[in-house]
Amino acid sequence: MSADGKKEDNLETGEKIDGELQVKLGDKFFPISRFAKPHAVVHPADHHSKVDANKFPDVEPEQKQKEDLKEFNQQVLKPDINKPKVDPNSFPDIEPEAKEREAKLEAERLKKSQ
């Protein structure tokens, strides 16, 4: 505080040297561009970033292995909950020759039982 009650400022502006405004900090002069830089870039209104999800790198192999092991352990710990659901209708039909053979065997069984 100065004698007249106003807070003293350590920041003094000096003259321009080499086209840059010099600021005094403590007992040294620094160019204002050295410490007054913008923290964000202002883009025009029509700017759209081009992000492609396919260009991101895959998960590191060690981390992927840990995730797979964790998933496996969860399936082992809770087999009823994590059991894969299998749709029996998704399997292909039995071969036609096998169907004919089954029909013959069924007919033979009926003959023997009568």
PDB file of N, CA and C in Angstrom:
ATOM      1  N   MET A   1       0.840  -1.174   0.000  1.00  0.00           N
ATOM      2  CA  MET A   1       0.000   0.000   0.000  1.00  0.00           C
ATOM      3  C   MET A   1       0.884   1.237   0.000  1.00  0.00           C
ATOM      4  N   SER A   2       0.471   2.183  -0.755  1.00  0.00           N
ATOM      5  CA  SER A   2       1.242   3.424  -0.798  1.00  0.00           C
ATOM      6  C   SER A   2       0.753   4.375   0.284  1.00  0.00           C
ATOM      7  N   ALA A   3       1.418   5.501   0.392  1.00  0.00           N
ATOM      8  CA  ALA A   3       1.093   6.463   1.442  1.00  0.00           C
ATOM      9  C   ALA A   3      -0.295   7.048   1.265  1.00  0.00           C
ATOM     10  N   ASP A   4      -0.785   7.171   0.045  1.00  0.00           N
ATOM     11  CA  ASP A   4      -2.109   7.763  -0.163  1.00  0.00           C
ATOM     12  C   ASP A   4      -3.229   6.730  -0.085  1.00  0.00           C
ATOM     13  N   GLY A   5      -2.941   5.475   0.300  1.00  0.00           N
ATOM     14  CA  GLY A   5      -3.966   4.468   0.541  1.00  0.00           C
ATOM     15  C   GLY A   5      -4.280   3.605  -0.670  1.00  0.00           C
ATOM     16  N   LYS A   6      -3.685   3.872  -1.795  1.00  0.00           N
ATOM     17  CA  LYS A   6      -3.942   3.062  -2.982  1.00  0.00           C
ATOM     18  C   LYS A   6      -2.969   1.886  -3.026  1.00  0.00           C
ATOM     19  N   LYS A   7      -3.468   0.799  -3.534  1.00  0.00           N
ATOM     20  CA  LYS A   7      -2.634  -0.395  -3.643  1.00  0.00           C
ATOM     21  C   LYS A   7      -1.626  -0.195  -4.769  1.00  0.00           C
ATOM     22  N   GLU A   8      -0.370  -0.467  -4.476  1.00  0.00           N
ATOM     23  CA  GLU A   8       0.660  -0.341  -5.501  1.00  0.00           C
ATOM     24  C   GLU A   8       0.613  -1.554  -6.413  1.00  0.00           C
ATOM     25  N   ASP A   9       0.903  -1.312  -7.638  1.00  0.00           N
ATOM     26  CA  ASP A   9       0.906  -2.389  -8.623  1.00  0.00           C
ATOM     27  C   ASP A   9       2.336  -2.645  -9.061  1.00  0.00           C
ATOM     28  N   ASN A  10       2.751  -3.906  -9.027  1.00  0.00           N
ATOM     29  CA  ASN A  10       4.106  -4.249  -9.447  1.00  0.00           C
ATOM     30  C   ASN A  10       4.246  -4.230 -10.961  1.00  0.00           C
ATOM     31  N   LEU A  11       3.117  -4.158 -11.668  1.00  0.00           N
ATOM     32  CA  LEU A  11       3.116  -4.242 -13.113  1.00  0.00           C
ATOM     33  C   LEU A  11       3.260  -2.847 -13.705  1.00  0.00           C
ATOM     34  N   GLU A  12       4.326  -2.620 -14.412  1.00  0.00           N
ATOM     35  CA  GLU A  12       4.528  -1.342 -15.089  1.00  0.00           C
ATOM     36  C   GLU A  12       4.683  -1.619 -16.567  1.00  0.00           C
ATOM     37  N   THR A  13       4.075  -0.755 -17.371  1.00  0.00           N
ATOM     38  CA  THR A  13       4.255  -0.919 -18.804  1.00  0.00           C
ATOM     39  C   THR A  13       5.378  -0.025 -19.253  1.00  0.00           C
ATOM     40  N   GLY A  14       6.155  -0.548 -20.131  1.00  0.00           N
ATOM     41  CA  GLY A  14       7.274   0.220 -20.655  1.00  0.00           C
ATOM     42  C   GLY A  14       6.998   0.597 -22.089  1.00  0.00           C
ATOM     43  N   GLU A  15       8.025   0.887 -22.801  1.00  0.00           N
ATOM     44  CA  GLU A  15       7.871   1.278 -24.194  1.00  0.00           C
ATOM     45  C   GLU A  15       7.938   0.046 -25.084  1.00  0.00           C
ATOM     46  N   LYS A  16       7.594   0.265 -26.335  1.00  0.00           N
ATOM     47  CA  LYS A  16       7.632  -0.842 -27.293  1.00  0.00           C
ATOM     48  C   LYS A  16       9.056  -1.038 -27.779  1.00  0.00           C
ATOM     49  N   ILE A  17       9.521  -2.283 -27.701  1.00  0.00           N
ATOM     50  CA  ILE A  17      10.839  -2.631 -28.215  1.00  0.00           C
ATOM     51  C   ILE A  17      10.625  -3.709 -29.267  1.00  0.00           C
ATOM     52  N   ASP A  18      11.144  -3.497 -30.437  1.00  0.00           N
ATOM     53  CA  ASP A  18      10.981  -4.418 -31.566  1.00  0.00           C
ATOM     54  C   ASP A  18       9.505  -4.668 -31.872  1.00  0.00           C
ATOM     55  N   GLY A  19       8.665  -3.674 -31.714  1.00  0.00           N
ATOM     56  CA  GLY A  19       7.248  -3.793 -32.041  1.00  0.00           C
ATOM     57  C   GLY A  19       6.425  -4.499 -30.986  1.00  0.00           C
ATOM     58  N   GLU A  20       7.002  -4.828 -29.834  1.00  0.00           N
ATOM     59  CA  GLU A  20       6.255  -5.508 -28.773  1.00  0.00           C
ATOM     60  C   GLU A  20       6.213  -4.639 -27.535  1.00  0.00           C
ATOM     61  N   LEU A  21       5.081  -4.649 -26.876  1.00  0.00           N
ATOM     62  CA  LEU A  21       4.928  -3.906 -25.635  1.00  0.00           C
ATOM     63  C   LEU A  21       5.679  -4.637 -24.535  1.00  0.00           C
ATOM     64  N   GLN A  22       6.520  -3.924 -23.806  1.00  0.00           N
ATOM     65  CA  GLN A  22       7.303  -4.508 -22.718  1.00  0.00           C
ATOM     66  C   GLN A  22       6.607  -4.209 -21.395  1.00  0.00           C
ATOM     67  N   VAL A  23       6.543  -5.210 -20.530  1.00  0.00           N
ATOM     68  CA  VAL A  23       5.906  -5.075 -19.223  1.00  0.00           C
ATOM     69  C   VAL A  23       6.947  -5.385 -18.168  1.00  0.00           C
ATOM     70  N   LYS A  24       6.969  -4.553 -17.124  1.00  0.00           N
ATOM     71  CA  LYS A  24       7.937  -4.761 -16.052  1.00  0.00           C
ATOM     72  C   LYS A  24       7.297  -5.609 -14.963  1.00  0.00           C
ATOM     73  N   LEU A  25       7.905  -6.735 -14.684  1.00  0.00           N
ATOM     74  CA  LEU A  25       7.471  -7.614 -13.596  1.00  0.00           C
ATOM     75  C   LEU A  25       8.623  -7.697 -12.617  1.00  0.00           C
ATOM     76  N   GLY A  26       8.414  -7.156 -11.433  1.00  0.00           N
ATOM     77  CA  GLY A  26       9.506  -7.108 -10.471  1.00  0.00           C
ATOM     78  C   GLY A  26      10.542  -6.129 -10.961  1.00  0.00           C
ATOM     79  N   ASP A  27      11.738  -6.596 -11.226  1.00  0.00           N
ATOM     80  CA  ASP A  27      12.787  -5.698 -11.704  1.00  0.00           C
ATOM     81  C   ASP A  27      13.199  -6.007 -13.147  1.00  0.00           C
ATOM     82  N   LYS A  28      12.395  -6.826 -13.859  1.00  0.00           N
ATOM     83  CA  LYS A  28      12.739  -7.181 -15.236  1.00  0.00           C
ATOM     84  C   LYS A  28      11.608  -6.791 -16.184  1.00  0.00           C
ATOM     85  N   PHE A  29      11.955  -6.543 -17.436  1.00  0.00           N
ATOM     86  CA  PHE A  29      10.973  -6.274 -18.477  1.00  0.00           C
ATOM     87  C   PHE A  29      10.800  -7.522 -19.344  1.00  0.00           C
ATOM     88  N   PHE A  30       9.539  -7.830 -19.653  1.00  0.00           N
ATOM     89  CA  PHE A  30       9.203  -8.975 -20.492  1.00  0.00           C
ATOM     90  C   PHE A  30       8.266  -8.523 -21.600  1.00  0.00           C
ATOM     91  N   PRO A  31       8.346  -9.139 -22.782  1.00  0.00           N
ATOM     92  CA  PRO A  31       7.358  -8.816 -23.817  1.00  0.00           C
ATOM     93  C   PRO A  31       5.999  -9.386 -23.413  1.00  0.00           C
ATOM     94  N   ILE A  32       4.944  -8.627 -23.624  1.00  0.00           N
ATOM     95  CA  ILE A  32       3.607  -9.046 -23.176  1.00  0.00           C
ATOM     96  C   ILE A  32       3.153 -10.320 -23.893  1.00  0.00           C
ATOM     97  N   SER A  33       3.643 -10.553 -25.098  1.00  0.00           N
ATOM     98  CA  SER A  33       3.234 -11.758 -25.825  1.00  0.00           C
ATOM     99  C   SER A  33       3.788 -13.024 -25.180  1.00  0.00           C
ATOM    100  N   ARG A  34       4.771 -12.878 -24.308  1.00  0.00           N
ATOM    101  CA  ARG A  34       5.379 -14.053 -23.682  1.00  0.00           C
ATOM    102  C   ARG A  34       4.458 -14.689 -22.647  1.00  0.00           C
ATOM    103  N   PHE A  35       3.640 -13.891 -21.989  1.00  0.00           N
ATOM    104  CA  PHE A  35       2.781 -14.473 -20.958  1.00  0.00           C
ATOM    105  C   PHE A  35       1.306 -14.197 -21.176  1.00  0.00           C
ATOM    106  N   ALA A  36       0.923 -13.434 -22.167  1.00  0.00           N
ATOM    107  CA  ALA A  36      -0.489 -13.172 -22.436  1.00  0.00           C
ATOM    108  C   ALA A  36      -0.870 -13.864 -23.735  1.00  0.00           C
ATOM    109  N   LYS A  37      -1.082 -15.160 -23.663  1.00  0.00           N
ATOM    110  CA  LYS A  37      -1.447 -15.934 -24.848  1.00  0.00           C
ATOM    111  C   LYS A  37      -2.882 -16.433 -24.682  1.00  0.00           C
ATOM    112  N   PRO A  38      -3.619 -16.521 -25.773  1.00  0.00           N
ATOM    113  CA  PRO A  38      -4.989 -17.041 -25.656  1.00  0.00           C
ATOM    114  C   PRO A  38      -4.954 -18.526 -25.301  1.00  0.00           C
ATOM    115  N   HIS A  39      -5.925 -18.951 -24.509  1.00  0.00           N
ATOM    116  CA  HIS A  39      -5.984 -20.350 -24.085  1.00  0.00           C
ATOM    117  C   HIS A  39      -6.876 -21.189 -24.978  1.00  0.00           C
ATOM    118  N   ALA A  40      -7.670 -20.532 -25.794  1.00  0.00           N
ATOM    119  CA  ALA A  40      -8.556 -21.272 -26.682  1.00  0.00           C
ATOM    120  C   ALA A  40      -8.520 -20.629 -28.054  1.00  0.00           C
ATOM    121  N   VAL A  41      -8.713 -21.444 -29.057  1.00  0.00           N
ATOM    122  CA  VAL A  41      -8.749 -20.938 -30.420  1.00  0.00           C
ATOM    123  C   VAL A  41     -10.205 -20.716 -30.792  1.00  0.00           C
ATOM    124  N   VAL A  42     -10.506 -19.560 -31.321  1.00  0.00           N
ATOM    125  CA  VAL A  42     -11.871 -19.252 -31.731  1.00  0.00           C
ATOM    126  C   VAL A  42     -12.004 -19.630 -33.201  1.00  0.00           C
ATOM    127  N   HIS A  43     -12.912 -20.562 -33.466  1.00  0.00           N
ATOM    128  CA  HIS A  43     -13.140 -21.023 -34.832  1.00  0.00           C
ATOM    129  C   HIS A  43     -14.301 -20.254 -35.439  1.00  0.00           C
ATOM    130  N   PRO A  44     -14.347 -20.169 -36.745  1.00  0.00           N
ATOM    131  CA  PRO A  44     -15.503 -19.527 -37.379  1.00  0.00           C
ATOM    132  C   PRO A  44     -16.768 -20.345 -37.138  1.00  0.00           C
ATOM    133  N   ALA A  45     -17.923 -19.717 -37.335  1.00  0.00           N
ATOM    134  CA  ALA A  45     -19.203 -20.370 -37.033  1.00  0.00           C
ATOM    135  C   ALA A  45     -19.440 -21.603 -37.889  1.00  0.00           C
ATOM    136  N   ASP A  46     -18.912 -21.631 -39.107  1.00  0.00           N
ATOM    137  CA  ASP A  46     -19.154 -22.767 -39.991  1.00  0.00           C
ATOM    138  C   ASP A  46     -18.111 -23.873 -39.851  1.00  0.00           C
ATOM    139  N   HIS A  47     -17.260 -23.803 -38.842  1.00  0.00           N
ATOM    140  CA  HIS A  47     -16.214 -24.803 -38.638  1.00  0.00           C
ATOM    141  C   HIS A  47     -16.796 -26.054 -37.983  1.00  0.00           C
ATOM    142  N   HIS A  48     -16.506 -27.194 -38.564  1.00  0.00           N
ATOM    143  CA  HIS A  48     -16.928 -28.477 -37.992  1.00  0.00           C
ATOM    144  C   HIS A  48     -15.708 -29.380 -37.922  1.00  0.00           C
ATOM    145  N   SER A  49     -15.463 -29.938 -36.760  1.00  0.00           N
ATOM    146  CA  SER A  49     -14.314 -30.824 -36.633  1.00  0.00           C
ATOM    147  C   SER A  49     -14.602 -32.133 -37.355  1.00  0.00           C
ATOM    148  N   LYS A  50     -13.570 -32.719 -37.915  1.00  0.00           N
ATOM    149  CA  LYS A  50     -13.713 -33.966 -38.652  1.00  0.00           C
ATOM    150  C   LYS A  50     -13.149 -35.092 -37.795  1.00  0.00           C
ATOM    151  N   VAL A  51     -14.041 -35.762 -37.069  1.00  0.00           N
ATOM    152  CA  VAL A  51     -13.635 -36.852 -36.196  1.00  0.00           C
ATOM    153  C   VAL A  51     -14.118 -38.151 -36.814  1.00  0.00           C
ATOM    154  N   ASP A  52     -13.204 -39.070 -37.004  1.00  0.00           N
ATOM    155  CA  ASP A  52     -13.542 -40.370 -37.565  1.00  0.00           C
ATOM    156  C   ASP A  52     -13.273 -41.423 -36.496  1.00  0.00           C
ATOM    157  N   ALA A  53     -14.320 -42.115 -36.075  1.00  0.00           N
ATOM    158  CA  ALA A  53     -14.184 -43.099 -35.005  1.00  0.00           C
ATOM    159  C   ALA A  53     -13.290 -44.263 -35.407  1.00  0.00           C
ATOM    160  N   ASN A  54     -13.163 -44.521 -36.695  1.00  0.00           N
ATOM    161  CA  ASN A  54     -12.334 -45.639 -37.147  1.00  0.00           C
ATOM    162  C   ASN A  54     -10.845 -45.333 -37.070  1.00  0.00           C
ATOM    163  N   LYS A  55     -10.488 -44.067 -36.908  1.00  0.00           N
ATOM    164  CA  LYS A  55      -9.078 -43.704 -36.857  1.00  0.00           C
ATOM    165  C   LYS A  55      -8.506 -43.761 -35.443  1.00  0.00           C
ATOM    166  N   PHE A  56      -9.354 -43.938 -34.438  1.00  0.00           N
ATOM    167  CA  PHE A  56      -8.849 -44.028 -33.080  1.00  0.00           C
ATOM    168  C   PHE A  56      -8.137 -45.364 -32.897  1.00  0.00           C
ATOM    169  N   PRO A  57      -7.059 -45.385 -32.153  1.00  0.00           N
ATOM    170  CA  PRO A  57      -6.357 -46.659 -31.957  1.00  0.00           C
ATOM    171  C   PRO A  57      -7.171 -47.603 -31.079  1.00  0.00           C
ATOM    172  N   ASP A  58      -6.936 -48.884 -31.254  1.00  0.00           N
ATOM    173  CA  ASP A  58      -7.621 -49.890 -30.452  1.00  0.00           C
ATOM    174  C   ASP A  58      -7.045 -49.875 -29.040  1.00  0.00           C
ATOM    175  N   VAL A  59      -7.738 -50.528 -28.133  1.00  0.00           N
ATOM    176  CA  VAL A  59      -7.284 -50.617 -26.751  1.00  0.00           C
ATOM    177  C   VAL A  59      -5.947 -51.355 -26.721  1.00  0.00           C
ATOM    178  N   GLU A  60      -5.076 -50.954 -25.803  1.00  0.00           N
ATOM    179  CA  GLU A  60      -3.771 -51.609 -25.707  1.00  0.00           C
ATOM    180  C   GLU A  60      -3.956 -53.100 -25.460  1.00  0.00           C
ATOM    181  N   PRO A  61      -3.061 -53.935 -25.976  1.00  0.00           N
ATOM    182  CA  PRO A  61      -3.219 -55.385 -25.829  1.00  0.00           C
ATOM    183  C   PRO A  61      -3.289 -55.841 -24.372  1.00  0.00           C
ATOM    184  N   GLU A  62      -2.486 -55.218 -23.495  1.00  0.00           N
ATOM    185  CA  GLU A  62      -2.505 -55.637 -22.086  1.00  0.00           C
ATOM    186  C   GLU A  62      -3.864 -55.343 -21.461  1.00  0.00           C
ATOM    187  N   GLN A  63      -4.420 -54.155 -21.763  1.00  0.00           N
ATOM    188  CA  GLN A  63      -5.712 -53.783 -21.197  1.00  0.00           C
ATOM    189  C   GLN A  63      -6.816 -54.667 -21.767  1.00  0.00           C
ATOM    190  N   LYS A  64      -6.729 -54.981 -23.063  1.00  0.00           N
ATOM    191  CA  LYS A  64      -7.718 -55.851 -23.695  1.00  0.00           C
ATOM    192  C   LYS A  64      -7.688 -57.236 -23.046  1.00  0.00           C
ATOM    193  N   GLN A  65      -6.487 -57.736 -22.738  1.00  0.00           N
ATOM    194  CA  GLN A  65      -6.353 -59.037 -22.094  1.00  0.00           C
ATOM    195  C   GLN A  65      -6.975 -58.999 -20.697  1.00  0.00           C
ATOM    196  N   LYS A  66      -6.755 -57.905 -19.961  1.00  0.00           N
ATOM    197  CA  LYS A  66      -7.350 -57.774 -18.628  1.00  0.00           C
ATOM    198  C   LYS A  66      -8.872 -57.759 -18.711  1.00  0.00           C
ATOM    199  N   GLU A  67      -9.414 -57.045 -19.708  1.00  0.00           N
ATOM    200  CA  GLU A  67     -10.868 -56.987 -19.866  1.00  0.00           C
ATOM    201  C   GLU A  67     -11.434 -58.361 -20.202  1.00  0.00           C
ATOM    202  N   ASP A  68     -10.747 -59.093 -21.087  1.00  0.00           N
ATOM    203  CA  ASP A  68     -11.211 -60.430 -21.450  1.00  0.00           C
ATOM    204  C   ASP A  68     -11.175 -61.367 -20.247  1.00  0.00           C
ATOM    205  N   LEU A  69     -10.113 -61.279 -19.448  1.00  0.00           N
ATOM    206  CA  LEU A  69      -9.996 -62.119 -18.260  1.00  0.00           C
ATOM    207  C   LEU A  69     -11.092 -61.782 -17.251  1.00  0.00           C
ATOM    208  N   LYS A  70     -11.375 -60.496 -17.091  1.00  0.00           N
ATOM    209  CA  LYS A  70     -12.432 -60.074 -16.163  1.00  0.00           C
ATOM    210  C   LYS A  70     -13.780 -60.608 -16.634  1.00  0.00           C
ATOM    211  N   GLU A  71     -14.037 -60.512 -17.942  1.00  0.00           N
ATOM    212  CA  GLU A  71     -15.291 -61.014 -18.493  1.00  0.00           C
ATOM    213  C   GLU A  71     -15.393 -62.526 -18.286  1.00  0.00           C
ATOM    214  N   PHE A  72     -14.296 -63.248 -18.495  1.00  0.00           N
ATOM    215  CA  PHE A  72     -14.285 -64.695 -18.301  1.00  0.00           C
ATOM    216  C   PHE A  72     -14.560 -65.037 -16.840  1.00  0.00           C
ATOM    217  N   ASN A  73     -13.903 -64.330 -15.909  1.00  0.00           N
ATOM    218  CA  ASN A  73     -14.101 -64.597 -14.488  1.00  0.00           C
ATOM    219  C   ASN A  73     -15.533 -64.328 -14.063  1.00  0.00           C
ATOM    220  N   GLN A  74     -16.160 -63.316 -14.632  1.00  0.00           N
ATOM    221  CA  GLN A  74     -17.549 -63.038 -14.286  1.00  0.00           C
ATOM    222  C   GLN A  74     -18.446 -64.167 -14.764  1.00  0.00           C
ATOM    223  N   GLN A  75     -18.143 -64.740 -15.924  1.00  0.00           N
ATOM    224  CA  GLN A  75     -18.946 -65.851 -16.418  1.00  0.00           C
ATOM    225  C   GLN A  75     -18.756 -67.081 -15.549  1.00  0.00           C
ATOM    226  N   VAL A  76     -17.558 -67.290 -15.050  1.00  0.00           N
ATOM    227  CA  VAL A  76     -17.297 -68.447 -14.204  1.00  0.00           C
ATOM    228  C   VAL A  76     -17.977 -68.270 -12.848  1.00  0.00           C
ATOM    229  N   LEU A  77     -17.939 -67.054 -12.310  1.00  0.00           N
ATOM    230  CA  LEU A  77     -18.521 -66.816 -10.994  1.00  0.00           C
ATOM    231  C   LEU A  77     -20.039 -66.895 -11.010  1.00  0.00           C
ATOM    232  N   LYS A  78     -20.659 -66.483 -12.110  1.00  0.00           N
ATOM    233  CA  LYS A  78     -22.118 -66.482 -12.187  1.00  0.00           C
ATOM    234  C   LYS A  78     -22.554 -67.185 -13.472  1.00  0.00           C
ATOM    235  N   PRO A  79     -22.421 -68.509 -13.527  1.00  0.00           N
ATOM    236  CA  PRO A  79     -22.717 -69.191 -14.791  1.00  0.00           C
ATOM    237  C   PRO A  79     -24.189 -69.119 -15.186  1.00  0.00           C
ATOM    238  N   ASP A  80     -25.110 -69.091 -14.205  1.00  0.00           N
ATOM    239  CA  ASP A  80     -26.532 -69.048 -14.554  1.00  0.00           C
ATOM    240  C   ASP A  80     -26.919 -67.701 -15.141  1.00  0.00           C
ATOM    241  N   ILE A  81     -26.337 -66.650 -14.607  1.00  0.00           N
ATOM    242  CA  ILE A  81     -26.676 -65.303 -15.075  1.00  0.00           C
ATOM    243  C   ILE A  81     -26.018 -65.025 -16.420  1.00  0.00           C
ATOM    244  N   ASN A  82     -24.764 -65.427 -16.566  1.00  0.00           N
ATOM    245  CA  ASN A  82     -23.999 -65.085 -17.758  1.00  0.00           C
ATOM    246  C   ASN A  82     -24.003 -66.180 -18.823  1.00  0.00           C
ATOM    247  N   LYS A  83     -24.896 -67.144 -18.673  1.00  0.00           N
ATOM    248  CA  LYS A  83     -24.944 -68.238 -19.644  1.00  0.00           C
ATOM    249  C   LYS A  83     -25.388 -67.689 -21.001  1.00  0.00           C
ATOM    250  N   PRO A  84     -24.707 -68.059 -22.059  1.00  0.00           N
ATOM    251  CA  PRO A  84     -25.124 -67.558 -23.371  1.00  0.00           C
ATOM    252  C   PRO A  84     -26.483 -68.130 -23.760  1.00  0.00           C
ATOM    253  N   LYS A  85     -27.319 -67.300 -24.315  1.00  0.00           N
ATOM    254  CA  LYS A  85     -28.657 -67.720 -24.742  1.00  0.00           C
ATOM    255  C   LYS A  85     -28.544 -68.277 -26.161  1.00  0.00           C
ATOM    256  N   VAL A  86     -28.984 -69.531 -26.333  1.00  0.00           N
ATOM    257  CA  VAL A  86     -28.902 -70.187 -27.634  1.00  0.00           C
ATOM    258  C   VAL A  86     -30.319 -70.415 -28.134  1.00  0.00           C
ATOM    259  N   ASP A  87     -30.577 -69.987 -29.351  1.00  0.00           N
ATOM    260  CA  ASP A  87     -31.886 -70.186 -29.966  1.00  0.00           C
ATOM    261  C   ASP A  87     -31.842 -71.487 -30.765  1.00  0.00           C
ATOM    262  N   PRO A  88     -32.620 -72.498 -30.365  1.00  0.00           N
ATOM    263  CA  PRO A  88     -32.560 -73.777 -31.094  1.00  0.00           C
ATOM    264  C   PRO A  88     -33.060 -73.660 -32.532  1.00  0.00           C
ATOM    265  N   ASN A  89     -33.890 -72.682 -32.813  1.00  0.00           N
ATOM    266  CA  ASN A  89     -34.404 -72.519 -34.179  1.00  0.00           C
ATOM    267  C   ASN A  89     -33.339 -71.971 -35.126  1.00  0.00           C
ATOM    268  N   SER A  90     -32.255 -71.461 -34.569  1.00  0.00           N
ATOM    269  CA  SER A  90     -31.211 -70.893 -35.423  1.00  0.00           C
ATOM    270  C   SER A  90     -30.317 -71.972 -36.041  1.00  0.00           C
ATOM    271  N   PHE A  91     -30.401 -73.208 -35.547  1.00  0.00           N
ATOM    272  CA  PHE A  91     -29.583 -74.283 -36.104  1.00  0.00           C
ATOM    273  C   PHE A  91     -30.164 -74.745 -37.441  1.00  0.00           C
ATOM    274  N   PRO A  92     -29.329 -75.185 -38.367  1.00  0.00           N
ATOM    275  CA  PRO A  92     -29.849 -75.642 -39.670  1.00  0.00           C
ATOM    276  C   PRO A  92     -30.599 -76.968 -39.519  1.00  0.00           C
ATOM    277  N   ASP A  93     -31.450 -77.240 -40.497  1.00  0.00           N
ATOM    278  CA  ASP A  93     -32.214 -78.489 -40.498  1.00  0.00           C
ATOM    279  C   ASP A  93     -31.287 -79.684 -40.634  1.00  0.00           C
ATOM    280  N   ILE A  94     -31.796 -80.852 -40.196  1.00  0.00           N
ATOM    281  CA  ILE A  94     -31.035 -82.091 -40.345  1.00  0.00           C
ATOM    282  C   ILE A  94     -30.960 -82.418 -41.831  1.00  0.00           C
ATOM    283  N   GLU A  95     -29.917 -83.091 -42.210  1.00  0.00           N
ATOM    284  CA  GLU A  95     -29.733 -83.432 -43.625  1.00  0.00           C
ATOM    285  C   GLU A  95     -30.904 -84.288 -44.112  1.00  0.00           C
ATOM    286  N   PRO A  96     -31.282 -84.135 -45.377  1.00  0.00           N
ATOM    287  CA  PRO A  96     -32.421 -84.915 -45.903  1.00  0.00           C
ATOM    288  C   PRO A  96     -32.205 -86.430 -45.807  1.00  0.00           C
ATOM    289  N   GLU A  97     -30.962 -86.895 -46.022  1.00  0.00           N
ATOM    290  CA  GLU A  97     -30.707 -88.342 -45.927  1.00  0.00           C
ATOM    291  C   GLU A  97     -30.962 -88.835 -44.506  1.00  0.00           C
ATOM    292  N   ALA A  98     -30.589 -88.028 -43.537  1.00  0.00           N
ATOM    293  CA  ALA A  98     -30.798 -88.421 -42.145  1.00  0.00           C
ATOM    294  C   ALA A  98     -32.288 -88.480 -41.830  1.00  0.00           C
ATOM    295  N   LYS A  99     -33.069 -87.563 -42.396  1.00  0.00           N
ATOM    296  CA  LYS A  99     -34.522 -87.593 -42.178  1.00  0.00           C
ATOM    297  C   LYS A  99     -35.120 -88.874 -42.767  1.00  0.00           C
ATOM    298  N   GLU A 100     -34.663 -89.261 -43.960  1.00  0.00           N
ATOM    299  CA  GLU A 100     -35.159 -90.492 -44.590  1.00  0.00           C
ATOM    300  C   GLU A 100     -34.803 -91.707 -43.739  1.00  0.00           C
ATOM    301  N   ARG A 101     -33.571 -91.747 -43.245  1.00  0.00           N
ATOM    302  CA  ARG A 101     -33.136 -92.859 -42.394  1.00  0.00           C
ATOM    303  C   ARG A 101     -33.984 -92.933 -41.128  1.00  0.00           C
ATOM    304  N   GLU A 102     -34.250 -91.755 -40.518  1.00  0.00           N
ATOM    305  CA  GLU A 102     -35.075 -91.738 -39.306  1.00  0.00           C
ATOM    306  C   GLU A 102     -36.485 -92.234 -39.608  1.00  0.00           C
ATOM    307  N   ALA A 103     -37.015 -91.839 -40.764  1.00  0.00           N
ATOM    308  CA  ALA A 103     -38.362 -92.295 -41.138  1.00  0.00           C
ATOM    309  C   ALA A 103     -38.377 -93.816 -41.319  1.00  0.00           C
ATOM    310  N   LYS A 104     -37.355 -94.393 -41.971  1.00  0.00           N
ATOM    311  CA  LYS A 104     -37.265 -95.855 -42.147  1.00  0.00           C
ATOM    312  C   LYS A 104     -37.180 -96.561 -40.803  1.00  0.00           C
ATOM    313  N   LEU A 105     -36.323 -96.061 -39.923  1.00  0.00           N
ATOM    314  CA  LEU A 105     -36.174 -96.686 -38.603  1.00  0.00           C
ATOM    315  C   LEU A 105     -37.479 -96.620 -37.813  1.00  0.00           C
ATOM    316  N   GLU A 106     -38.171 -95.513 -37.916  1.00  0.00           N
ATOM    317  CA  GLU A 106     -39.452 -95.379 -37.207  1.00  0.00           C
ATOM    318  C   GLU A 106     -40.470 -96.378 -37.757  1.00  0.00           C
ATOM    319  N   ALA A 107     -40.474 -96.545 -39.079  1.00  0.00           N
ATOM    320  CA  ALA A 107     -41.399 -97.507 -39.695  1.00  0.00           C
ATOM    321  C   ALA A 107     -41.059 -98.931 -39.249  1.00  0.00           C
ATOM    322  N   GLU A 108     -39.774 -99.266 -39.180  1.00  0.00           N
ATOM    323  CA  GLU A 108     -39.364-100.597 -38.724  1.00  0.00           C
ATOM    324  C   GLU A 108     -39.761-100.820 -37.272  1.00  0.00           C
ATOM    325  N   ARG A 109     -39.617 -99.804 -36.439  1.00  0.00           N
ATOM    326  CA  ARG A 109     -40.013 -99.943 -35.030  1.00  0.00           C
ATOM    327  C   ARG A 109     -41.510-100.192 -34.898  1.00  0.00           C
ATOM    328  N   LEU A 110     -42.288 -99.491 -35.732  1.00  0.00           N
ATOM    329  CA  LEU A 110     -43.743 -99.688 -35.681  1.00  0.00           C
ATOM    330  C   LEU A 110     -44.117-101.115 -36.103  1.00  0.00           C
ATOM    331  N   LYS A 111     -43.435-101.649 -37.131  1.00  0.00           N
ATOM    332  CA  LYS A 111     -43.708-103.020 -37.588  1.00  0.00           C
ATOM    333  C   LYS A 111     -43.379-104.029 -36.498  1.00  0.00           C
ATOM    334  N   LYS A 112     -42.240-103.827 -35.819  1.00  0.00           N
ATOM    335  CA  LYS A 112     -41.825-104.761 -34.773  1.00  0.00           C
ATOM    336  C   LYS A 112     -42.766-104.702 -33.570  1.00  0.00           C
ATOM    337  N   SER A 113     -43.248-103.525 -33.264  1.00  0.00           N
ATOM    338  CA  SER A 113     -44.109-103.394 -32.084  1.00  0.00           C
ATOM    339  C   SER A 113     -45.508-103.944 -32.342  1.00  0.00           C
ATOM    340  N   GLN A 114     -45.942-104.125 -33.593  1.00  0.00           N
ATOM    341  CA  GLN A 114     -47.291-104.631 -33.881  1.00  0.00           C
ATOM    342  C   GLN A 114     -47.365-106.098 -33.935  1.00  0.00           C
TER     343      GLN A 114
END
